[in-house]
Amino acid sequence: MNIKLNLSRHCVETEMKRQYNKTISTYFKKKTSDDKQSLETRIDLLQQGLETFDFNRLRNQYPELRGEVAADVELSATDDQKPQILINGRVIDAY
């Protein structure tokens, strides 16, 4: 699963929190278990990232994550289900 992060108005941490809260809200509005399963996966990935990433270091090291430089930024999971950040398709060291 890849989650597109829109950093045109704020930093990566704010965007991940925004998407986490929006996804939680959507989760409680859904009726079918198929919809909820996909949302649970998304919630888990966002939560893991919010709990484990060093956002101060990330913002200092990557101007793209401060929202200052236009870039294609995504949150995804590694093969062992750990969160990772991609900038323009390139995996960065987020820990």
PDB file of N, CA and C in Angstrom:
ATOM      1  N   MET A   1       0.841  -1.176   0.000  1.00  0.00           N
ATOM      2  CA  MET A   1       0.000   0.000   0.000  1.00  0.00           C
ATOM      3  C   MET A   1       0.887   1.240   0.000  1.00  0.00           C
ATOM      4  N   ASN A   2       0.611   2.167  -0.885  1.00  0.00           N
ATOM      5  CA  ASN A   2       1.282   3.461  -0.925  1.00  0.00           C
ATOM      6  C   ASN A   2       0.265   4.544  -0.612  1.00  0.00           C
ATOM      7  N   ILE A   3       0.662   5.479   0.232  1.00  0.00           N
ATOM      8  CA  ILE A   3      -0.190   6.604   0.595  1.00  0.00           C
ATOM      9  C   ILE A   3       0.486   7.872   0.106  1.00  0.00           C
ATOM     10  N   LYS A   4      -0.154   8.556  -0.808  1.00  0.00           N
ATOM     11  CA  LYS A   4       0.374   9.813  -1.356  1.00  0.00           C
ATOM     12  C   LYS A   4       0.251  10.890  -0.288  1.00  0.00           C
ATOM     13  N   LEU A   5       1.346  11.628  -0.057  1.00  0.00           N
ATOM     14  CA  LEU A   5       1.359  12.697   0.933  1.00  0.00           C
ATOM     15  C   LEU A   5       1.451  14.040   0.219  1.00  0.00           C
ATOM     16  N   ASN A   6       0.482  14.895   0.472  1.00  0.00           N
ATOM     17  CA  ASN A   6       0.445  16.223  -0.141  1.00  0.00           C
ATOM     18  C   ASN A   6       1.131  17.204   0.796  1.00  0.00           C
ATOM     19  N   LEU A   7       2.335  17.623   0.438  1.00  0.00           N
ATOM     20  CA  LEU A   7       3.111  18.508   1.294  1.00  0.00           C
ATOM     21  C   LEU A   7       3.165  19.931   0.743  1.00  0.00           C
ATOM     22  N   SER A   8       2.159  20.320   0.007  1.00  0.00           N
ATOM     23  CA  SER A   8       2.156  21.661  -0.580  1.00  0.00           C
ATOM     24  C   SER A   8       1.845  22.746   0.443  1.00  0.00           C
ATOM     25  N   ARG A   9       1.235  22.385   1.553  1.00  0.00           N
ATOM     26  CA  ARG A   9       0.855  23.399   2.536  1.00  0.00           C
ATOM     27  C   ARG A   9       1.422  23.167   3.934  1.00  0.00           C
ATOM     28  N   HIS A  10       2.038  22.009   4.163  1.00  0.00           N
ATOM     29  CA  HIS A  10       2.548  21.693   5.494  1.00  0.00           C
ATOM     30  C   HIS A  10       3.591  20.586   5.410  1.00  0.00           C
ATOM     31  N   CYS A  11       4.176  20.260   6.557  1.00  0.00           N
ATOM     32  CA  CYS A  11       5.252  19.269   6.598  1.00  0.00           C
ATOM     33  C   CYS A  11       4.706  17.841   6.619  1.00  0.00           C
ATOM     34  N   VAL A  12       5.614  16.901   6.526  1.00  0.00           N
ATOM     35  CA  VAL A  12       5.269  15.483   6.452  1.00  0.00           C
ATOM     36  C   VAL A  12       4.538  15.009   7.714  1.00  0.00           C
ATOM     37  N   GLU A  13       4.968  15.464   8.876  1.00  0.00           N
ATOM     38  CA  GLU A  13       4.323  15.024  10.121  1.00  0.00           C
ATOM     39  C   GLU A  13       2.876  15.504  10.191  1.00  0.00           C
ATOM     40  N   THR A  14       2.643  16.758   9.850  1.00  0.00           N
ATOM     41  CA  THR A  14       1.284  17.302   9.858  1.00  0.00           C
ATOM     42  C   THR A  14       0.402  16.570   8.860  1.00  0.00           C
ATOM     43  N   GLU A  15       0.935  16.300   7.689  1.00  0.00           N
ATOM     44  CA  GLU A  15       0.154  15.589   6.659  1.00  0.00           C
ATOM     45  C   GLU A  15      -0.189  14.174   7.102  1.00  0.00           C
ATOM     46  N   MET A  16       0.751  13.492   7.720  1.00  0.00           N
ATOM     47  CA  MET A  16       0.467  12.128   8.182  1.00  0.00           C
ATOM     48  C   MET A  16      -0.581  12.140   9.293  1.00  0.00           C
ATOM     49  N   LYS A  17      -0.513  13.094  10.200  1.00  0.00           N
ATOM     50  CA  LYS A  17      -1.530  13.214  11.253  1.00  0.00           C
ATOM     51  C   LYS A  17      -2.897  13.514  10.648  1.00  0.00           C
ATOM     52  N   ARG A  18      -2.917  14.419   9.663  1.00  0.00           N
ATOM     53  CA  ARG A  18      -4.168  14.776   8.990  1.00  0.00           C
ATOM     54  C   ARG A  18      -4.797  13.554   8.319  1.00  0.00           C
ATOM     55  N   GLN A  19      -3.983  12.797   7.604  1.00  0.00           N
ATOM     56  CA  GLN A  19      -4.507  11.616   6.925  1.00  0.00           C
ATOM     57  C   GLN A  19      -4.928  10.529   7.922  1.00  0.00           C
ATOM     58  N   TYR A  20      -4.184  10.383   9.000  1.00  0.00           N
ATOM     59  CA  TYR A  20      -4.545   9.407  10.038  1.00  0.00           C
ATOM     60  C   TYR A  20      -5.924   9.739  10.608  1.00  0.00           C
ATOM     61  N   ASN A  21      -6.138  10.996  10.998  1.00  0.00           N
ATOM     62  CA  ASN A  21      -7.429  11.402  11.567  1.00  0.00           C
ATOM     63  C   ASN A  21      -8.568  11.264  10.568  1.00  0.00           C
ATOM     64  N   LYS A  22      -8.317  11.609   9.321  1.00  0.00           N
ATOM     65  CA  LYS A  22      -9.337  11.481   8.273  1.00  0.00           C
ATOM     66  C   LYS A  22      -9.693  10.012   8.044  1.00  0.00           C
ATOM     67  N   THR A  23      -8.693   9.146   8.041  1.00  0.00           N
ATOM     68  CA  THR A  23      -8.936   7.721   7.813  1.00  0.00           C
ATOM     69  C   THR A  23      -9.689   7.096   8.979  1.00  0.00           C
ATOM     70  N   ILE A  24      -9.371   7.491  10.204  1.00  0.00           N
ATOM     71  CA  ILE A  24     -10.106   7.002  11.380  1.00  0.00           C
ATOM     72  C   ILE A  24     -11.577   7.396  11.263  1.00  0.00           C
ATOM     73  N   SER A  25     -11.828   8.639  10.897  1.00  0.00           N
ATOM     74  CA  SER A  25     -13.202   9.130  10.745  1.00  0.00           C
ATOM     75  C   SER A  25     -13.950   8.333   9.678  1.00  0.00           C
ATOM     76  N   THR A  26     -13.296   8.103   8.555  1.00  0.00           N
ATOM     77  CA  THR A  26     -13.908   7.324   7.472  1.00  0.00           C
ATOM     78  C   THR A  26     -14.179   5.893   7.919  1.00  0.00           C
ATOM     79  N   TYR A  27     -13.270   5.324   8.676  1.00  0.00           N
ATOM     80  CA  TYR A  27     -13.407   3.943   9.163  1.00  0.00           C
ATOM     81  C   TYR A  27     -14.718   3.756   9.930  1.00  0.00           C
ATOM     82  N   PHE A  28     -15.040   4.689  10.796  1.00  0.00           N
ATOM     83  CA  PHE A  28     -16.246   4.545  11.609  1.00  0.00           C
ATOM     84  C   PHE A  28     -17.530   4.843  10.850  1.00  0.00           C
ATOM     85  N   LYS A  29     -17.417   5.368   9.645  1.00  0.00           N
ATOM     86  CA  LYS A  29     -18.590   5.624   8.808  1.00  0.00           C
ATOM     87  C   LYS A  29     -18.892   4.462   7.869  1.00  0.00           C
ATOM     88  N   LYS A  30     -17.921   3.585   7.627  1.00  0.00           N
ATOM     89  CA  LYS A  30     -18.092   2.470   6.695  1.00  0.00           C
ATOM     90  C   LYS A  30     -18.902   1.345   7.323  1.00  0.00           C
ATOM     91  N   LYS A  31     -19.640   0.651   6.477  1.00  0.00           N
ATOM     92  CA  LYS A  31     -20.486  -0.441   6.945  1.00  0.00           C
ATOM     93  C   LYS A  31     -19.924  -1.823   6.646  1.00  0.00           C
ATOM     94  N   THR A  32     -19.233  -1.982   5.506  1.00  0.00           N
ATOM     95  CA  THR A  32     -18.784  -3.318   5.096  1.00  0.00           C
ATOM     96  C   THR A  32     -17.391  -3.632   5.616  1.00  0.00           C
ATOM     97  N   SER A  33     -17.143  -4.903   5.866  1.00  0.00           N
ATOM     98  CA  SER A  33     -15.843  -5.326   6.396  1.00  0.00           C
ATOM     99  C   SER A  33     -14.734  -5.190   5.349  1.00  0.00           C
ATOM    100  N   ASP A  34     -15.064  -5.298   4.051  1.00  0.00           N
ATOM    101  CA  ASP A  34     -14.054  -5.125   3.003  1.00  0.00           C
ATOM    102  C   ASP A  34     -13.479  -3.713   3.044  1.00  0.00           C
ATOM    103  N   ASP A  35     -14.349  -2.725   3.161  1.00  0.00           N
ATOM    104  CA  ASP A  35     -13.901  -1.340   3.258  1.00  0.00           C
ATOM    105  C   ASP A  35     -13.057  -1.147   4.513  1.00  0.00           C
ATOM    106  N   LYS A  36     -13.499  -1.707   5.603  1.00  0.00           N
ATOM    107  CA  LYS A  36     -12.809  -1.526   6.880  1.00  0.00           C
ATOM    108  C   LYS A  36     -11.430  -2.174   6.873  1.00  0.00           C
ATOM    109  N   GLN A  37     -11.279  -3.308   6.208  1.00  0.00           N
ATOM    110  CA  GLN A  37      -9.982  -3.984   6.153  1.00  0.00           C
ATOM    111  C   GLN A  37      -8.934  -3.103   5.489  1.00  0.00           C
ATOM    112  N   SER A  38      -9.278  -2.494   4.381  1.00  0.00           N
ATOM    113  CA  SER A  38      -8.360  -1.607   3.675  1.00  0.00           C
ATOM    114  C   SER A  38      -8.019  -0.391   4.535  1.00  0.00           C
ATOM    115  N   LEU A  39      -9.019   0.156   5.195  1.00  0.00           N
ATOM    116  CA  LEU A  39      -8.795   1.311   6.062  1.00  0.00           C
ATOM    117  C   LEU A  39      -7.935   0.941   7.265  1.00  0.00           C
ATOM    118  N   GLU A  40      -8.116  -0.255   7.808  1.00  0.00           N
ATOM    119  CA  GLU A  40      -7.296  -0.703   8.945  1.00  0.00           C
ATOM    120  C   GLU A  40      -5.820  -0.786   8.552  1.00  0.00           C
ATOM    121  N   THR A  41      -5.554  -1.273   7.360  1.00  0.00           N
ATOM    122  CA  THR A  41      -4.181  -1.357   6.862  1.00  0.00           C
ATOM    123  C   THR A  41      -3.576   0.038   6.743  1.00  0.00           C
ATOM    124  N   ARG A  42      -4.354   0.957   6.216  1.00  0.00           N
ATOM    125  CA  ARG A  42      -3.915   2.351   6.061  1.00  0.00           C
ATOM    126  C   ARG A  42      -3.662   2.996   7.425  1.00  0.00           C
ATOM    127  N   ILE A  43      -4.585   2.808   8.351  1.00  0.00           N
ATOM    128  CA  ILE A  43      -4.455   3.358   9.703  1.00  0.00           C
ATOM    129  C   ILE A  43      -3.198   2.815  10.369  1.00  0.00           C
ATOM    130  N   ASP A  44      -2.970   1.517  10.253  1.00  0.00           N
ATOM    131  CA  ASP A  44      -1.807   0.889  10.876  1.00  0.00           C
ATOM    132  C   ASP A  44      -0.497   1.451  10.323  1.00  0.00           C
ATOM    133  N   LEU A  45      -0.417   1.615   9.016  1.00  0.00           N
ATOM    134  CA  LEU A  45       0.792   2.150   8.389  1.00  0.00           C
ATOM    135  C   LEU A  45       1.051   3.587   8.845  1.00  0.00           C
ATOM    136  N   LEU A  46       0.018   4.416   8.841  1.00  0.00           N
ATOM    137  CA  LEU A  46       0.174   5.801   9.289  1.00  0.00           C
ATOM    138  C   LEU A  46       0.574   5.865  10.760  1.00  0.00           C
ATOM    139  N   GLN A  47      -0.061   5.049  11.582  1.00  0.00           N
ATOM    140  CA  GLN A  47       0.242   5.044  13.014  1.00  0.00           C
ATOM    141  C   GLN A  47       1.693   4.617  13.271  1.00  0.00           C
ATOM    142  N   GLN A  48       2.129   3.572  12.593  1.00  0.00           N
ATOM    143  CA  GLN A  48       3.520   3.118  12.751  1.00  0.00           C
ATOM    144  C   GLN A  48       4.502   4.220  12.370  1.00  0.00           C
ATOM    145  N   GLY A  49       4.226   4.897  11.273  1.00  0.00           N
ATOM    146  CA  GLY A  49       5.100   5.989  10.847  1.00  0.00           C
ATOM    147  C   GLY A  49       5.126   7.122  11.850  1.00  0.00           C
ATOM    148  N   LEU A  50       3.954   7.503  12.340  1.00  0.00           N
ATOM    149  CA  LEU A  50       3.879   8.588  13.317  1.00  0.00           C
ATOM    150  C   LEU A  50       4.622   8.240  14.601  1.00  0.00           C
ATOM    151  N   GLU A  51       4.623   6.985  14.971  1.00  0.00           N
ATOM    152  CA  GLU A  51       5.265   6.561  16.220  1.00  0.00           C
ATOM    153  C   GLU A  51       6.771   6.325  16.083  1.00  0.00           C
ATOM    154  N   THR A  52       7.256   6.054  14.871  1.00  0.00           N
ATOM    155  CA  THR A  52       8.652   5.639  14.735  1.00  0.00           C
ATOM    156  C   THR A  52       9.570   6.610  13.991  1.00  0.00           C
ATOM    157  N   PHE A  53       9.047   7.443  13.108  1.00  0.00           N
ATOM    158  CA  PHE A  53       9.902   8.335  12.340  1.00  0.00           C
ATOM    159  C   PHE A  53      10.456   9.451  13.219  1.00  0.00           C
ATOM    160  N   ASP A  54      11.675   9.863  12.929  1.00  0.00           N
ATOM    161  CA  ASP A  54      12.296  11.010  13.584  1.00  0.00           C
ATOM    162  C   ASP A  54      12.000  12.236  12.711  1.00  0.00           C
ATOM    163  N   PHE A  55      10.863  12.884  12.965  1.00  0.00           N
ATOM    164  CA  PHE A  55      10.398  13.961  12.096  1.00  0.00           C
ATOM    165  C   PHE A  55      11.313  15.184  12.116  1.00  0.00           C
ATOM    166  N   ASN A  56      11.906  15.507  13.255  1.00  0.00           N
ATOM    167  CA  ASN A  56      12.826  16.654  13.302  1.00  0.00           C
ATOM    168  C   ASN A  56      14.007  16.425  12.372  1.00  0.00           C
ATOM    169  N   ARG A  57      14.583  15.245  12.427  1.00  0.00           N
ATOM    170  CA  ARG A  57      15.712  14.926  11.549  1.00  0.00           C
ATOM    171  C   ARG A  57      15.275  14.918  10.093  1.00  0.00           C
ATOM    172  N   LEU A  58      14.113  14.340   9.819  1.00  0.00           N
ATOM    173  CA  LEU A  58      13.622  14.270   8.446  1.00  0.00           C
ATOM    174  C   LEU A  58      13.410  15.659   7.853  1.00  0.00           C
ATOM    175  N   ARG A  59      12.797  16.546   8.625  1.00  0.00           N
ATOM    176  CA  ARG A  59      12.568  17.911   8.134  1.00  0.00           C
ATOM    177  C   ARG A  59      13.887  18.650   7.914  1.00  0.00           C
ATOM    178  N   ASN A  60      14.870  18.408   8.792  1.00  0.00           N
ATOM    179  CA  ASN A  60      16.167  19.061   8.639  1.00  0.00           C
ATOM    180  C   ASN A  60      16.953  18.527   7.449  1.00  0.00           C
ATOM    181  N   GLN A  61      16.851  17.251   7.211  1.00  0.00           N
ATOM    182  CA  GLN A  61      17.655  16.609   6.161  1.00  0.00           C
ATOM    183  C   GLN A  61      17.026  16.707   4.775  1.00  0.00           C
ATOM    184  N   TYR A  62      15.702  16.743   4.689  1.00  0.00           N
ATOM    185  CA  TYR A  62      15.008  16.709   3.398  1.00  0.00           C
ATOM    186  C   TYR A  62      14.054  17.900   3.270  1.00  0.00           C
ATOM    187  N   PRO A  63      14.430  18.925   2.514  1.00  0.00           N
ATOM    188  CA  PRO A  63      13.542  20.084   2.338  1.00  0.00           C
ATOM    189  C   PRO A  63      12.191  19.699   1.728  1.00  0.00           C
ATOM    190  N   GLU A  64      12.162  18.614   0.979  1.00  0.00           N
ATOM    191  CA  GLU A  64      10.903  18.149   0.384  1.00  0.00           C
ATOM    192  C   GLU A  64       9.878  17.806   1.465  1.00  0.00           C
ATOM    193  N   LEU A  65      10.343  17.364   2.627  1.00  0.00           N
ATOM    194  CA  LEU A  65       9.442  16.953   3.704  1.00  0.00           C
ATOM    195  C   LEU A  65       8.998  18.121   4.574  1.00  0.00           C
ATOM    196  N   ARG A  66       9.585  19.290   4.330  1.00  0.00           N
ATOM    197  CA  ARG A  66       9.127  20.505   5.008  1.00  0.00           C
ATOM    198  C   ARG A  66       8.035  21.189   4.207  1.00  0.00           C
ATOM    199  N   GLY A  67       7.823  20.730   2.979  1.00  0.00           N
ATOM    200  CA  GLY A  67       6.838  21.350   2.109  1.00  0.00           C
ATOM    201  C   GLY A  67       7.390  22.545   1.360  1.00  0.00           C
ATOM    202  N   GLU A  68       8.705  22.703   1.360  1.00  0.00           N
ATOM    203  CA  GLU A  68       9.338  23.841   0.703  1.00  0.00           C
ATOM    204  C   GLU A  68       9.713  23.566  -0.752  1.00  0.00           C
ATOM    205  N   VAL A  69       9.867  22.305  -1.092  1.00  0.00           N
ATOM    206  CA  VAL A  69      10.287  21.910  -2.435  1.00  0.00           C
ATOM    207  C   VAL A  69       9.240  20.945  -2.990  1.00  0.00           C
ATOM    208  N   ALA A  70       8.780  21.206  -4.190  1.00  0.00           N
ATOM    209  CA  ALA A  70       7.791  20.321  -4.804  1.00  0.00           C
ATOM    210  C   ALA A  70       8.413  18.952  -5.060  1.00  0.00           C
ATOM    211  N   ALA A  71       7.716  17.922  -4.603  1.00  0.00           N
ATOM    212  CA  ALA A  71       8.206  16.552  -4.784  1.00  0.00           C
ATOM    213  C   ALA A  71       7.041  15.590  -4.658  1.00  0.00           C
ATOM    214  N   ASP A  72       7.222  14.412  -5.211  1.00  0.00           N
ATOM    215  CA  ASP A  72       6.252  13.333  -5.095  1.00  0.00           C
ATOM    216  C   ASP A  72       6.640  12.522  -3.862  1.00  0.00           C
ATOM    217  N   VAL A  73       5.872  12.646  -2.775  1.00  0.00           N
ATOM    218  CA  VAL A  73       6.202  11.990  -1.511  1.00  0.00           C
ATOM    219  C   VAL A  73       5.122  10.966  -1.180  1.00  0.00           C
ATOM    220  N   GLU A  74       5.568   9.758  -0.820  1.00  0.00           N
ATOM    221  CA  GLU A  74       4.647   8.678  -0.475  1.00  0.00           C
ATOM    222  C   GLU A  74       5.107   7.957   0.783  1.00  0.00           C
ATOM    223  N   LEU A  75       4.142   7.437   1.504  1.00  0.00           N
ATOM    224  CA  LEU A  75       4.395   6.551   2.629  1.00  0.00           C
ATOM    225  C   LEU A  75       4.026   5.160   2.155  1.00  0.00           C
ATOM    226  N   SER A  76       4.911   4.200   2.371  1.00  0.00           N
ATOM    227  CA  SER A  76       4.624   2.821   1.974  1.00  0.00           C
ATOM    228  C   SER A  76       5.172   1.884   3.028  1.00  0.00           C
ATOM    229  N   ALA A  77       4.952   0.597   2.817  1.00  0.00           N
ATOM    230  CA  ALA A  77       5.439  -0.420   3.751  1.00  0.00           C
ATOM    231  C   ALA A  77       6.513  -1.256   3.078  1.00  0.00           C
ATOM    232  N   THR A  78       7.523  -1.618   3.857  1.00  0.00           N
ATOM    233  CA  THR A  78       8.556  -2.522   3.360  1.00  0.00           C
ATOM    234  C   THR A  78       7.975  -3.935   3.307  1.00  0.00           C
ATOM    235  N   ASP A  79       8.771  -4.874   2.826  1.00  0.00           N
ATOM    236  CA  ASP A  79       8.317  -6.266   2.761  1.00  0.00           C
ATOM    237  C   ASP A  79       7.975  -6.818   4.141  1.00  0.00           C
ATOM    238  N   ASP A  80       8.656  -6.325   5.173  1.00  0.00           N
ATOM    239  CA  ASP A  80       8.347  -6.790   6.530  1.00  0.00           C
ATOM    240  C   ASP A  80       7.395  -5.837   7.267  1.00  0.00           C
ATOM    241  N   GLN A  81       6.637  -5.047   6.476  1.00  0.00           N
ATOM    242  CA  GLN A  81       5.551  -4.188   6.965  1.00  0.00           C
ATOM    243  C   GLN A  81       5.988  -3.022   7.841  1.00  0.00           C
ATOM    244  N   LYS A  82       7.218  -2.562   7.673  1.00  0.00           N
ATOM    245  CA  LYS A  82       7.664  -1.360   8.368  1.00  0.00           C
ATOM    246  C   LYS A  82       7.414  -0.162   7.458  1.00  0.00           C
ATOM    247  N   PRO A  83       7.052   0.982   8.035  1.00  0.00           N
ATOM    248  CA  PRO A  83       6.787   2.154   7.196  1.00  0.00           C
ATOM    249  C   PRO A  83       8.080   2.726   6.617  1.00  0.00           C
ATOM    250  N   GLN A  84       7.969   3.271   5.418  1.00  0.00           N
ATOM    251  CA  GLN A  84       9.092   3.934   4.774  1.00  0.00           C
ATOM    252  C   GLN A  84       8.566   5.116   3.970  1.00  0.00           C
ATOM    253  N   ILE A  85       9.431   6.076   3.736  1.00  0.00           N
ATOM    254  CA  ILE A  85       9.057   7.255   2.957  1.00  0.00           C
ATOM    255  C   ILE A  85       9.814   7.231   1.642  1.00  0.00           C
ATOM    256  N   LEU A  86       9.094   7.558   0.573  1.00  0.00           N
ATOM    257  CA  LEU A  86       9.698   7.668  -0.748  1.00  0.00           C
ATOM    258  C   LEU A  86       9.573   9.107  -1.210  1.00  0.00           C
ATOM    259  N   ILE A  87      10.682   9.665  -1.709  1.00  0.00           N
ATOM    260  CA  ILE A  87      10.673  10.985  -2.323  1.00  0.00           C
ATOM    261  C   ILE A  87      11.024  10.788  -3.776  1.00  0.00           C
ATOM    262  N   ASN A  88      10.092  11.145  -4.652  1.00  0.00           N
ATOM    263  CA  ASN A  88      10.263  10.963  -6.097  1.00  0.00           C
ATOM    264  C   ASN A  88      10.659   9.527  -6.430  1.00  0.00           C
ATOM    265  N   GLY A  89      10.033   8.582  -5.725  1.00  0.00           N
ATOM    266  CA  GLY A  89      10.243   7.162  -5.981  1.00  0.00           C
ATOM    267  C   GLY A  89      11.470   6.566  -5.308  1.00  0.00           C
ATOM    268  N   ARG A  90      12.262   7.368  -4.597  1.00  0.00           N
ATOM    269  CA  ARG A  90      13.483   6.912  -3.942  1.00  0.00           C
ATOM    270  C   ARG A  90      13.227   6.753  -2.446  1.00  0.00           C
ATOM    271  N   VAL A  91      13.548   5.588  -1.907  1.00  0.00           N
ATOM    272  CA  VAL A  91      13.382   5.332  -0.482  1.00  0.00           C
ATOM    273  C   VAL A  91      14.448   6.111   0.274  1.00  0.00           C
ATOM    274  N   ILE A  92      14.024   6.781   1.356  1.00  0.00           N
ATOM    275  CA  ILE A  92      14.979   7.521   2.185  1.00  0.00           C
ATOM    276  C   ILE A  92      15.110   6.834   3.544  1.00  0.00           C
ATOM    277  N   ASP A  93      16.167   7.174   4.263  1.00  0.00           N
ATOM    278  CA  ASP A  93      16.373   6.667   5.613  1.00  0.00           C
ATOM    279  C   ASP A  93      15.529   7.510   6.558  1.00  0.00           C
ATOM    280  N   ALA A  94      14.430   6.952   7.025  1.00  0.00           N
ATOM    281  CA  ALA A  94      13.486   7.709   7.858  1.00  0.00           C
ATOM    282  C   ALA A  94      13.668   7.463   9.341  1.00  0.00           C
ATOM    283  N   TYR A  95      14.636   6.643   9.725  1.00  0.00           N
ATOM    284  CA  TYR A  95      14.796   6.311  11.140  1.00  0.00           C
ATOM    285  C   TYR A  95      16.029   6.905  11.745  1.00  0.00           C
TER     286      TYR A  95
END
